């Protein structure tokens, strides 16, 4: 599980979605790789993707359902799930979900 990134550039203005239920900050690593780190408060939300994403849980947990699936899957601290590009996923959070979104 990712604990820390060193030598990054951080966008100080937060990305705030769903009336504050999801808040993240964009970071850029020294090699130009972009990620976001944030939290999702208890809610059930739908996110659309442009590029493929990997959602890494660093604390808390969630259940997610990829577009086209009827199956909810649990993701807890230390676990990741992949979301295809140009798709969507539903996420159900009952305890604050802390994440890193890796863009592919």
PDB file of N, CA and C in Angstrom:
ATOM      1  N   UNK A   1       0.848  -1.186   0.000  1.00  0.00           N
ATOM      2  CA  UNK A   1       0.000   0.000   0.000  1.00  0.00           C
ATOM      3  C   UNK A   1       0.886   1.240   0.000  1.00  0.00           C
ATOM      4  N   UNK A   2       0.534   2.185  -0.832  1.00  0.00           N
ATOM      5  CA  UNK A   2       1.288   3.436  -0.919  1.00  0.00           C
ATOM      6  C   UNK A   2       1.098   4.238   0.364  1.00  0.00           C
ATOM      7  N   UNK A   3       2.209   4.638   0.973  1.00  0.00           N
ATOM      8  CA  UNK A   3       2.162   5.403   2.217  1.00  0.00           C
ATOM      9  C   UNK A   3       2.471   6.874   1.995  1.00  0.00           C
ATOM     10  N   UNK A   4       3.347   7.175   1.006  1.00  0.00           N
ATOM     11  CA  UNK A   4       3.821   8.546   0.845  1.00  0.00           C
ATOM     12  C   UNK A   4       4.410   8.721  -0.545  1.00  0.00           C
ATOM     13  N   UNK A   5       4.284   9.927  -1.092  1.00  0.00           N
ATOM     14  CA  UNK A   5       4.971  10.322  -2.322  1.00  0.00           C
ATOM     15  C   UNK A   5       5.893  11.473  -1.979  1.00  0.00           C
ATOM     16  N   UNK A   6       7.131  11.412  -2.427  1.00  0.00           N
ATOM     17  CA  UNK A   6       8.083  12.494  -2.229  1.00  0.00           C
ATOM     18  C   UNK A   6       8.302  13.223  -3.543  1.00  0.00           C
ATOM     19  N   UNK A   7       8.695  14.504  -3.469  1.00  0.00           N
ATOM     20  CA  UNK A   7       9.033  15.266  -4.658  1.00  0.00           C
ATOM     21  C   UNK A   7       7.879  15.444  -5.618  1.00  0.00           C
ATOM     22  N   UNK A   8       6.721  15.827  -5.105  1.00  0.00           N
ATOM     23  CA  UNK A   8       5.541  15.997  -5.955  1.00  0.00           C
ATOM     24  C   UNK A   8       5.115  17.454  -6.028  1.00  0.00           C
ATOM     25  N   UNK A   9       4.361  17.752  -7.051  1.00  0.00           N
ATOM     26  CA  UNK A   9       3.703  19.042  -7.186  1.00  0.00           C
ATOM     27  C   UNK A   9       2.231  18.823  -6.831  1.00  0.00           C
ATOM     28  N   UNK A  10       1.676  19.685  -5.987  1.00  0.00           N
ATOM     29  CA  UNK A  10       0.297  19.540  -5.531  1.00  0.00           C
ATOM     30  C   UNK A  10      -0.518  20.742  -5.979  1.00  0.00           C
ATOM     31  N   UNK A  11      -1.666  20.474  -6.562  1.00  0.00           N
ATOM     32  CA  UNK A  11      -2.605  21.542  -6.874  1.00  0.00           C
ATOM     33  C   UNK A  11      -3.344  21.867  -5.582  1.00  0.00           C
ATOM     34  N   UNK A  12      -3.215  23.096  -5.108  1.00  0.00           N
ATOM     35  CA  UNK A  12      -3.749  23.417  -3.783  1.00  0.00           C
ATOM     36  C   UNK A  12      -5.266  23.547  -3.754  1.00  0.00           C
ATOM     37  N   UNK A  13      -5.877  23.898  -4.874  1.00  0.00           N
ATOM     38  CA  UNK A  13      -7.344  23.979  -4.890  1.00  0.00           C
ATOM     39  C   UNK A  13      -7.901  22.562  -4.977  1.00  0.00           C
ATOM     40  N   UNK A  14      -8.794  22.231  -4.067  1.00  0.00           N
ATOM     41  CA  UNK A  14      -9.372  20.891  -4.009  1.00  0.00           C
ATOM     42  C   UNK A  14     -10.361  20.669  -5.158  1.00  0.00           C
ATOM     43  N   UNK A  15     -10.447  19.415  -5.575  1.00  0.00           N
ATOM     44  CA  UNK A  15     -11.506  18.971  -6.481  1.00  0.00           C
ATOM     45  C   UNK A  15     -12.658  18.535  -5.583  1.00  0.00           C
ATOM     46  N   UNK A  16     -13.785  19.210  -5.672  1.00  0.00           N
ATOM     47  CA  UNK A  16     -14.922  18.910  -4.803  1.00  0.00           C
ATOM     48  C   UNK A  16     -16.083  18.442  -5.675  1.00  0.00           C
ATOM     49  N   UNK A  17     -16.552  17.229  -5.410  1.00  0.00           N
ATOM     50  CA  UNK A  17     -17.627  16.627  -6.201  1.00  0.00           C
ATOM     51  C   UNK A  17     -18.785  16.227  -5.286  1.00  0.00           C
ATOM     52  N   UNK A  18     -19.956  16.113  -5.889  1.00  0.00           N
ATOM     53  CA  UNK A  18     -21.136  15.607  -5.190  1.00  0.00           C
ATOM     54  C   UNK A  18     -21.394  16.350  -3.879  1.00  0.00           C
ATOM     55  N   UNK A  19     -21.435  17.684  -3.977  1.00  0.00           N
ATOM     56  CA  UNK A  19     -21.732  18.531  -2.817  1.00  0.00           C
ATOM     57  C   UNK A  19     -20.813  18.257  -1.629  1.00  0.00           C
ATOM     58  N   UNK A  20     -19.537  17.986  -1.916  1.00  0.00           N
ATOM     59  CA  UNK A  20     -18.561  17.784  -0.856  1.00  0.00           C
ATOM     60  C   UNK A  20     -18.433  16.363  -0.354  1.00  0.00           C
ATOM     61  N   UNK A  21     -19.162  15.426  -0.953  1.00  0.00           N
ATOM     62  CA  UNK A  21     -19.052  14.034  -0.515  1.00  0.00           C
ATOM     63  C   UNK A  21     -17.756  13.382  -1.002  1.00  0.00           C
ATOM     64  N   UNK A  22     -17.126  13.986  -2.029  1.00  0.00           N
ATOM     65  CA  UNK A  22     -15.831  13.526  -2.521  1.00  0.00           C
ATOM     66  C   UNK A  22     -14.934  14.748  -2.675  1.00  0.00           C
ATOM     67  N   UNK A  23     -13.784  14.704  -2.009  1.00  0.00           N
ATOM     68  CA  UNK A  23     -12.827  15.812  -2.072  1.00  0.00           C
ATOM     69  C   UNK A  23     -11.444  15.215  -2.333  1.00  0.00           C
ATOM     70  N   UNK A  24     -10.757  15.749  -3.346  1.00  0.00           N
ATOM     71  CA  UNK A  24      -9.420  15.252  -3.654  1.00  0.00           C
ATOM     72  C   UNK A  24      -8.508  16.392  -4.059  1.00  0.00           C
ATOM     73  N   UNK A  25      -7.215  16.090  -4.102  1.00  0.00           N
ATOM     74  CA  UNK A  25      -6.200  17.012  -4.609  1.00  0.00           C
ATOM     75  C   UNK A  25      -5.426  16.302  -5.706  1.00  0.00           C
ATOM     76  N   UNK A  26      -5.126  17.025  -6.771  1.00  0.00           N
ATOM     77  CA  UNK A  26      -4.331  16.486  -7.871  1.00  0.00           C
ATOM     78  C   UNK A  26      -2.859  16.637  -7.532  1.00  0.00           C
ATOM     79  N   UNK A  27      -2.104  15.581  -7.822  1.00  0.00           N
ATOM     80  CA  UNK A  27      -0.661  15.644  -7.626  1.00  0.00           C
ATOM     81  C   UNK A  27       0.017  15.206  -8.921  1.00  0.00           C
ATOM     82  N   UNK A  28       1.219  15.730  -9.142  1.00  0.00           N
ATOM     83  CA  UNK A  28       2.040  15.336 -10.281  1.00  0.00           C
ATOM     84  C   UNK A  28       3.392  14.897  -9.740  1.00  0.00           C
ATOM     85  N   UNK A  29       3.787  13.678 -10.081  1.00  0.00           N
ATOM     86  CA  UNK A  29       5.071  13.150  -9.646  1.00  0.00           C
ATOM     87  C   UNK A  29       6.192  13.742 -10.496  1.00  0.00           C
ATOM     88  N   UNK A  30       7.425  13.579 -10.044  1.00  0.00           N
ATOM     89  CA  UNK A  30       8.586  14.138 -10.742  1.00  0.00           C
ATOM     90  C   UNK A  30       8.667  13.656 -12.188  1.00  0.00           C
ATOM     91  N   UNK A  31       8.186  12.443 -12.474  1.00  0.00           N
ATOM     92  CA  UNK A  31       8.244  11.911 -13.840  1.00  0.00           C
ATOM     93  C   UNK A  31       7.050  12.343 -14.699  1.00  0.00           C
ATOM     94  N   UNK A  32       6.166  13.192 -14.140  1.00  0.00           N
ATOM     95  CA  UNK A  32       5.010  13.687 -14.880  1.00  0.00           C
ATOM     96  C   UNK A  32       3.739  12.883 -14.683  1.00  0.00           C
ATOM     97  N   UNK A  33       3.817  11.755 -13.975  1.00  0.00           N
ATOM     98  CA  UNK A  33       2.645  10.926 -13.694  1.00  0.00           C
ATOM     99  C   UNK A  33       1.655  11.713 -12.839  1.00  0.00           C
ATOM    100  N   UNK A  34       0.379  11.655 -13.212  1.00  0.00           N
ATOM    101  CA  UNK A  34      -0.663  12.364 -12.468  1.00  0.00           C
ATOM    102  C   UNK A  34      -1.510  11.393 -11.652  1.00  0.00           C
ATOM    103  N   UNK A  35      -1.863  11.833 -10.451  1.00  0.00           N
ATOM    104  CA  UNK A  35      -2.697  11.050  -9.544  1.00  0.00           C
ATOM    105  C   UNK A  35      -3.605  12.018  -8.792  1.00  0.00           C
ATOM    106  N   UNK A  36      -4.592  11.491  -8.112  1.00  0.00           N
ATOM    107  CA  UNK A  36      -5.328  12.309  -7.163  1.00  0.00           C
ATOM    108  C   UNK A  36      -5.421  11.533  -5.858  1.00  0.00           C
ATOM    109  N   UNK A  37      -5.413  12.266  -4.757  1.00  0.00           N
ATOM    110  CA  UNK A  37      -5.557  11.662  -3.437  1.00  0.00           C
ATOM    111  C   UNK A  37      -6.732  12.351  -2.750  1.00  0.00           C
ATOM    112  N   UNK A  38      -7.578  11.559  -2.113  1.00  0.00           N
ATOM    113  CA  UNK A  38      -8.741  12.184  -1.506  1.00  0.00           C
ATOM    114  C   UNK A  38      -9.535  11.251  -0.624  1.00  0.00           C
ATOM    115  N   UNK A  39     -10.736  11.709  -0.302  1.00  0.00           N
ATOM    116  CA  UNK A  39     -11.667  10.946   0.527  1.00  0.00           C
ATOM    117  C   UNK A  39     -13.064  11.014  -0.080  1.00  0.00           C
ATOM    118  N   UNK A  40     -13.809   9.943   0.159  1.00  0.00           N
ATOM    119  CA  UNK A  40     -15.231   9.920  -0.166  1.00  0.00           C
ATOM    120  C   UNK A  40     -15.952   9.659   1.147  1.00  0.00           C
ATOM    121  N   UNK A  41     -16.857  10.561   1.491  1.00  0.00           N
ATOM    122  CA  UNK A  41     -17.648  10.419   2.712  1.00  0.00           C
ATOM    123  C   UNK A  41     -18.797   9.447   2.463  1.00  0.00           C
ATOM    124  N   UNK A  42     -19.444   8.956   3.509  1.00  0.00           N
ATOM    125  CA  UNK A  42     -20.528   7.993   3.313  1.00  0.00           C
ATOM    126  C   UNK A  42     -21.574   8.492   2.314  1.00  0.00           C
ATOM    127  N   UNK A  43     -21.778   7.683   1.263  1.00  0.00           N
ATOM    128  CA  UNK A  43     -22.710   8.009   0.184  1.00  0.00           C
ATOM    129  C   UNK A  43     -22.680   6.876  -0.833  1.00  0.00           C
ATOM    130  N   UNK A  44     -23.595   6.908  -1.779  1.00  0.00           N
ATOM    131  CA  UNK A  44     -23.556   6.049  -2.961  1.00  0.00           C
ATOM    132  C   UNK A  44     -23.496   6.982  -4.154  1.00  0.00           C
ATOM    133  N   UNK A  45     -22.419   6.871  -4.946  1.00  0.00           N
ATOM    134  CA  UNK A  45     -22.138   7.817  -6.028  1.00  0.00           C
ATOM    135  C   UNK A  45     -21.784   7.069  -7.306  1.00  0.00           C
ATOM    136  N   UNK A  46     -21.894   7.758  -8.445  1.00  0.00           N
ATOM    137  CA  UNK A  46     -21.471   7.218  -9.739  1.00  0.00           C
ATOM    138  C   UNK A  46     -20.408   8.134 -10.319  1.00  0.00           C
ATOM    139  N   UNK A  47     -19.266   7.548 -10.673  1.00  0.00           N
ATOM    140  CA  UNK A  47     -18.168   8.285 -11.292  1.00  0.00           C
ATOM    141  C   UNK A  47     -17.996   7.834 -12.731  1.00  0.00           C
ATOM    142  N   UNK A  48     -17.770   8.780 -13.624  1.00  0.00           N
ATOM    143  CA  UNK A  48     -17.453   8.482 -15.018  1.00  0.00           C
ATOM    144  C   UNK A  48     -15.949   8.601 -15.202  1.00  0.00           C
ATOM    145  N   UNK A  49     -15.393   7.772 -16.082  1.00  0.00           N
ATOM    146  CA  UNK A  49     -13.964   7.807 -16.346  1.00  0.00           C
ATOM    147  C   UNK A  49     -13.691   8.211 -17.789  1.00  0.00           C
ATOM    148  N   UNK A  50     -12.593   8.915 -17.992  1.00  0.00           N
ATOM    149  CA  UNK A  50     -12.081   9.177 -19.326  1.00  0.00           C
ATOM    150  C   UNK A  50     -10.985   8.172 -19.590  1.00  0.00           C
ATOM    151  N   UNK A  51      -9.869   8.326 -18.878  1.00  0.00           N
ATOM    152  CA  UNK A  51      -8.750   7.384 -18.961  1.00  0.00           C
ATOM    153  C   UNK A  51      -8.998   6.231 -17.989  1.00  0.00           C
ATOM    154  N   UNK A  52      -8.342   5.086 -18.206  1.00  0.00           N
ATOM    155  CA  UNK A  52      -8.426   4.004 -17.216  1.00  0.00           C
ATOM    156  C   UNK A  52      -7.908   4.499 -15.859  1.00  0.00           C
ATOM    157  N   UNK A  53      -8.460   3.957 -14.794  1.00  0.00           N
ATOM    158  CA  UNK A  53      -8.075   4.344 -13.442  1.00  0.00           C
ATOM    159  C   UNK A  53      -7.842   3.113 -12.584  1.00  0.00           C
ATOM    160  N   UNK A  54      -6.947   3.267 -11.622  1.00  0.00           N
ATOM    161  CA  UNK A  54      -6.795   2.271 -10.564  1.00  0.00           C
ATOM    162  C   UNK A  54      -7.099   3.000  -9.268  1.00  0.00           C
ATOM    163  N   UNK A  55      -8.078   2.514  -8.540  1.00  0.00           N
ATOM    164  CA  UNK A  55      -8.450   3.096  -7.249  1.00  0.00           C
ATOM    165  C   UNK A  55      -7.782   2.268  -6.156  1.00  0.00           C
ATOM    166  N   UNK A  56      -6.908   2.923  -5.383  1.00  0.00           N
ATOM    167  CA  UNK A  56      -6.184   2.269  -4.288  1.00  0.00           C
ATOM    168  C   UNK A  56      -6.737   2.771  -2.961  1.00  0.00           C
ATOM    169  N   UNK A  57      -7.198   1.853  -2.126  1.00  0.00           N
ATOM    170  CA  UNK A  57      -7.724   2.214  -0.811  1.00  0.00           C
ATOM    171  C   UNK A  57      -6.574   2.287   0.192  1.00  0.00           C
ATOM    172  N   UNK A  58      -6.427   3.447   0.833  1.00  0.00           N
ATOM    173  CA  UNK A  58      -5.385   3.595   1.847  1.00  0.00           C
ATOM    174  C   UNK A  58      -5.954   3.579   3.270  1.00  0.00           C
ATOM    175  N   UNK A  59      -7.253   3.765   3.417  1.00  0.00           N
ATOM    176  CA  UNK A  59      -7.921   3.639   4.719  1.00  0.00           C
ATOM    177  C   UNK A  59      -9.426   3.565   4.471  1.00  0.00           C
ATOM    178  N   UNK A  60     -10.136   2.968   5.416  1.00  0.00           N
ATOM    179  CA  UNK A  60     -11.572   2.825   5.262  1.00  0.00           C
ATOM    180  C   UNK A  60     -11.879   1.684   4.304  1.00  0.00           C
ATOM    181  N   UNK A  61     -13.062   1.738   3.705  1.00  0.00           N
ATOM    182  CA  UNK A  61     -13.450   0.709   2.743  1.00  0.00           C
ATOM    183  C   UNK A  61     -14.611   1.221   1.910  1.00  0.00           C
ATOM    184  N   UNK A  62     -14.892   0.484   0.852  1.00  0.00           N
ATOM    185  CA  UNK A  62     -16.026   0.807  -0.009  1.00  0.00           C
ATOM    186  C   UNK A  62     -16.513  -0.470  -0.662  1.00  0.00           C
ATOM    187  N   UNK A  63     -17.637  -0.372  -1.330  1.00  0.00           N
ATOM    188  CA  UNK A  63     -18.086  -1.396  -2.250  1.00  0.00           C
ATOM    189  C   UNK A  63     -18.225  -0.704  -3.591  1.00  0.00           C
ATOM    190  N   UNK A  64     -17.831  -1.369  -4.658  1.00  0.00           N
ATOM    191  CA  UNK A  64     -17.920  -0.777  -5.985  1.00  0.00           C
ATOM    192  C   UNK A  64     -18.569  -1.754  -6.959  1.00  0.00           C
ATOM    193  N   UNK A  65     -19.125  -1.201  -8.002  1.00  0.00           N
ATOM    194  CA  UNK A  65     -19.767  -1.980  -9.056  1.00  0.00           C
ATOM    195  C   UNK A  65     -19.395  -1.330 -10.377  1.00  0.00           C
ATOM    196  N   UNK A  66     -18.699  -2.071 -11.231  1.00  0.00           N
ATOM    197  CA  UNK A  66     -18.298  -1.551 -12.528  1.00  0.00           C
ATOM    198  C   UNK A  66     -19.477  -1.507 -13.484  1.00  0.00           C
ATOM    199  N   UNK A  67     -19.430  -0.597 -14.444  1.00  0.00           N
ATOM    200  CA  UNK A  67     -20.475  -0.477 -15.460  1.00  0.00           C
ATOM    201  C   UNK A  67     -20.687  -1.837 -16.127  1.00  0.00           C
ATOM    202  N   UNK A  68     -21.949  -2.220 -16.259  1.00  0.00           N
ATOM    203  CA  UNK A  68     -22.288  -3.486 -16.890  1.00  0.00           C
ATOM    204  C   UNK A  68     -22.342  -4.666 -15.942  1.00  0.00           C
ATOM    205  N   UNK A  69     -21.990  -4.449 -14.672  1.00  0.00           N
ATOM    206  CA  UNK A  69     -22.020  -5.520 -13.672  1.00  0.00           C
ATOM    207  C   UNK A  69     -23.139  -5.256 -12.673  1.00  0.00           C
ATOM    208  N   UNK A  70     -23.665  -6.326 -12.113  1.00  0.00           N
ATOM    209  CA  UNK A  70     -24.654  -6.206 -11.042  1.00  0.00           C
ATOM    210  C   UNK A  70     -24.055  -6.593  -9.697  1.00  0.00           C
ATOM    211  N   UNK A  71     -22.751  -6.860  -9.681  1.00  0.00           N
ATOM    212  CA  UNK A  71     -22.081  -7.381  -8.492  1.00  0.00           C
ATOM    213  C   UNK A  71     -21.331  -6.270  -7.769  1.00  0.00           C
ATOM    214  N   UNK A  72     -21.648  -6.093  -6.472  1.00  0.00           N
ATOM    215  CA  UNK A  72     -20.911  -5.168  -5.617  1.00  0.00           C
ATOM    216  C   UNK A  72     -19.722  -5.927  -5.038  1.00  0.00           C
ATOM    217  N   UNK A  73     -18.534  -5.293  -5.087  1.00  0.00           N
ATOM    218  CA  UNK A  73     -17.296  -5.904  -4.599  1.00  0.00           C
ATOM    219  C   UNK A  73     -16.708  -4.992  -3.527  1.00  0.00           C
ATOM    220  N   UNK A  74     -16.264  -5.588  -2.411  1.00  0.00           N
ATOM    221  CA  UNK A  74     -15.691  -4.792  -1.326  1.00  0.00           C
ATOM    222  C   UNK A  74     -14.212  -4.527  -1.589  1.00  0.00           C
ATOM    223  N   UNK A  75     -13.764  -3.318  -1.273  1.00  0.00           N
ATOM    224  CA  UNK A  75     -12.356  -2.937  -1.358  1.00  0.00           C
ATOM    225  C   UNK A  75     -11.983  -2.263  -0.042  1.00  0.00           C
ATOM    226  N   UNK A  76     -10.942  -2.790   0.603  1.00  0.00           N
ATOM    227  CA  UNK A  76     -10.504  -2.287   1.907  1.00  0.00           C
ATOM    228  C   UNK A  76      -9.063  -1.799   1.816  1.00  0.00           C
ATOM    229  N   UNK A  77      -8.562  -1.256   2.914  1.00  0.00           N
ATOM    230  CA  UNK A  77      -7.198  -0.731   2.965  1.00  0.00           C
ATOM    231  C   UNK A  77      -6.204  -1.743   2.422  1.00  0.00           C
ATOM    232  N   UNK A  78      -5.336  -1.262   1.511  1.00  0.00           N
ATOM    233  CA  UNK A  78      -4.338  -2.109   0.894  1.00  0.00           C
ATOM    234  C   UNK A  78      -4.792  -2.759  -0.395  1.00  0.00           C
ATOM    235  N   UNK A  79      -6.057  -2.596  -0.757  1.00  0.00           N
ATOM    236  CA  UNK A  79      -6.591  -3.210  -1.967  1.00  0.00           C
ATOM    237  C   UNK A  79      -6.811  -2.161  -3.057  1.00  0.00           C
ATOM    238  N   UNK A  80      -6.823  -2.634  -4.309  1.00  0.00           N
ATOM    239  CA  UNK A  80      -7.020  -1.767  -5.471  1.00  0.00           C
ATOM    240  C   UNK A  80      -8.074  -2.381  -6.369  1.00  0.00           C
ATOM    241  N   UNK A  81      -8.715  -1.525  -7.174  1.00  0.00           N
ATOM    242  CA  UNK A  81      -9.558  -2.047  -8.248  1.00  0.00           C
ATOM    243  C   UNK A  81      -9.364  -1.197  -9.496  1.00  0.00           C
ATOM    244  N   UNK A  82      -9.526  -1.841 -10.648  1.00  0.00           N
ATOM    245  CA  UNK A  82      -9.315  -1.213 -11.946  1.00  0.00           C
ATOM    246  C   UNK A  82     -10.640  -0.809 -12.572  1.00  0.00           C
ATOM    247  N   UNK A  83     -10.651   0.377 -13.161  1.00  0.00           N
ATOM    248  CA  UNK A  83     -11.829   0.876 -13.869  1.00  0.00           C
ATOM    249  C   UNK A  83     -11.398   1.182 -15.304  1.00  0.00           C
ATOM    250  N   UNK A  84     -12.089   0.617 -16.299  1.00  0.00           N
ATOM    251  CA  UNK A  84     -11.717   0.895 -17.691  1.00  0.00           C
ATOM    252  C   UNK A  84     -11.937   2.370 -18.049  1.00  0.00           C
ATOM    253  N   UNK A  85     -11.235   2.806 -19.076  1.00  0.00           N
ATOM    254  CA  UNK A  85     -11.440   4.159 -19.593  1.00  0.00           C
ATOM    255  C   UNK A  85     -12.781   4.266 -20.298  1.00  0.00           C
ATOM    256  N   UNK A  86     -13.289   5.486 -20.389  1.00  0.00           N
ATOM    257  CA  UNK A  86     -14.579   5.755 -21.033  1.00  0.00           C
ATOM    258  C   UNK A  86     -15.672   4.837 -20.504  1.00  0.00           C
ATOM    259  N   UNK A  87     -15.743   4.742 -19.187  1.00  0.00           N
ATOM    260  CA  UNK A  87     -16.709   3.871 -18.532  1.00  0.00           C
ATOM    261  C   UNK A  87     -17.231   4.584 -17.293  1.00  0.00           C
ATOM    262  N   UNK A  88     -17.727   3.813 -16.345  1.00  0.00           N
ATOM    263  CA  UNK A  88     -18.189   4.385 -15.076  1.00  0.00           C
ATOM    264  C   UNK A  88     -18.181   3.298 -14.015  1.00  0.00           C
ATOM    265  N   UNK A  89     -18.310   3.740 -12.769  1.00  0.00           N
ATOM    266  CA  UNK A  89     -18.475   2.797 -11.669  1.00  0.00           C
ATOM    267  C   UNK A  89     -19.310   3.453 -10.586  1.00  0.00           C
ATOM    268  N   UNK A  90     -20.064   2.608  -9.879  1.00  0.00           N
ATOM    269  CA  UNK A  90     -20.810   3.044  -8.709  1.00  0.00           C
ATOM    270  C   UNK A  90     -19.965   2.703  -7.493  1.00  0.00           C
ATOM    271  N   UNK A  91     -19.992   3.584  -6.509  1.00  0.00           N
ATOM    272  CA  UNK A  91     -19.252   3.330  -5.278  1.00  0.00           C
ATOM    273  C   UNK A  91     -20.181   3.593  -4.097  1.00  0.00           C
ATOM    274  N   UNK A  92     -20.146   2.673  -3.153  1.00  0.00           N
ATOM    275  CA  UNK A  92     -20.994   2.756  -1.953  1.00  0.00           C
ATOM    276  C   UNK A  92     -20.047   2.793  -0.757  1.00  0.00           C
ATOM    277  N   UNK A  93     -20.116   3.884   0.007  1.00  0.00           N
ATOM    278  CA  UNK A  93     -19.209   4.099   1.135  1.00  0.00           C
ATOM    279  C   UNK A  93     -20.029   4.221   2.413  1.00  0.00           C
ATOM    280  N   UNK A  94     -19.671   3.446   3.436  1.00  0.00           N
ATOM    281  CA  UNK A  94     -20.353   3.550   4.731  1.00  0.00           C
ATOM    282  C   UNK A  94     -19.426   4.102   5.811  1.00  0.00           C
ATOM    283  N   UNK A  95     -18.109   3.993   5.598  1.00  0.00           N
ATOM    284  CA  UNK A  95     -17.124   4.631   6.475  1.00  0.00           C
ATOM    285  C   UNK A  95     -16.166   5.359   5.537  1.00  0.00           C
ATOM    286  N   UNK A  96     -15.682   6.514   5.913  1.00  0.00           N
ATOM    287  CA  UNK A  96     -14.893   7.344   5.013  1.00  0.00           C
ATOM    288  C   UNK A  96     -13.824   6.519   4.295  1.00  0.00           C
ATOM    289  N   UNK A  97     -13.805   6.647   2.966  1.00  0.00           N
ATOM    290  CA  UNK A  97     -12.904   5.908   2.086  1.00  0.00           C
ATOM    291  C   UNK A  97     -11.790   6.842   1.651  1.00  0.00           C
ATOM    292  N   UNK A  98     -10.560   6.546   2.054  1.00  0.00           N
ATOM    293  CA  UNK A  98      -9.386   7.333   1.680  1.00  0.00           C
ATOM    294  C   UNK A  98      -8.734   6.630   0.496  1.00  0.00           C
ATOM    295  N   UNK A  99      -8.441   7.371  -0.564  1.00  0.00           N
ATOM    296  CA  UNK A  99      -7.964   6.704  -1.780  1.00  0.00           C
ATOM    297  C   UNK A  99      -6.869   7.489  -2.502  1.00  0.00           C
ATOM    298  N   UNK A 100      -6.184   6.746  -3.378  1.00  0.00           N
ATOM    299  CA  UNK A 100      -5.317   7.328  -4.384  1.00  0.00           C
ATOM    300  C   UNK A 100      -5.888   6.844  -5.714  1.00  0.00           C
ATOM    301  N   UNK A 101      -6.112   7.763  -6.629  1.00  0.00           N
ATOM    302  CA  UNK A 101      -6.558   7.398  -7.968  1.00  0.00           C
ATOM    303  C   UNK A 101      -5.348   7.508  -8.887  1.00  0.00           C
ATOM    304  N   UNK A 102      -4.965   6.371  -9.462  1.00  0.00           N
ATOM    305  CA  UNK A 102      -3.849   6.294 -10.396  1.00  0.00           C
ATOM    306  C   UNK A 102      -4.435   6.352 -11.804  1.00  0.00           C
ATOM    307  N   UNK A 103      -4.071   7.331 -12.580  1.00  0.00           N
ATOM    308  CA  UNK A 103      -4.595   7.481 -13.938  1.00  0.00           C
ATOM    309  C   UNK A 103      -3.694   6.734 -14.913  1.00  0.00           C
ATOM    310  N   UNK A 104      -4.336   5.985 -15.849  1.00  0.00           N
ATOM    311  CA  UNK A 104      -3.557   5.158 -16.774  1.00  0.00           C
ATOM    312  C   UNK A 104      -3.525   5.686 -18.172  1.00  0.00           C
TER     313      UNK A 104
END
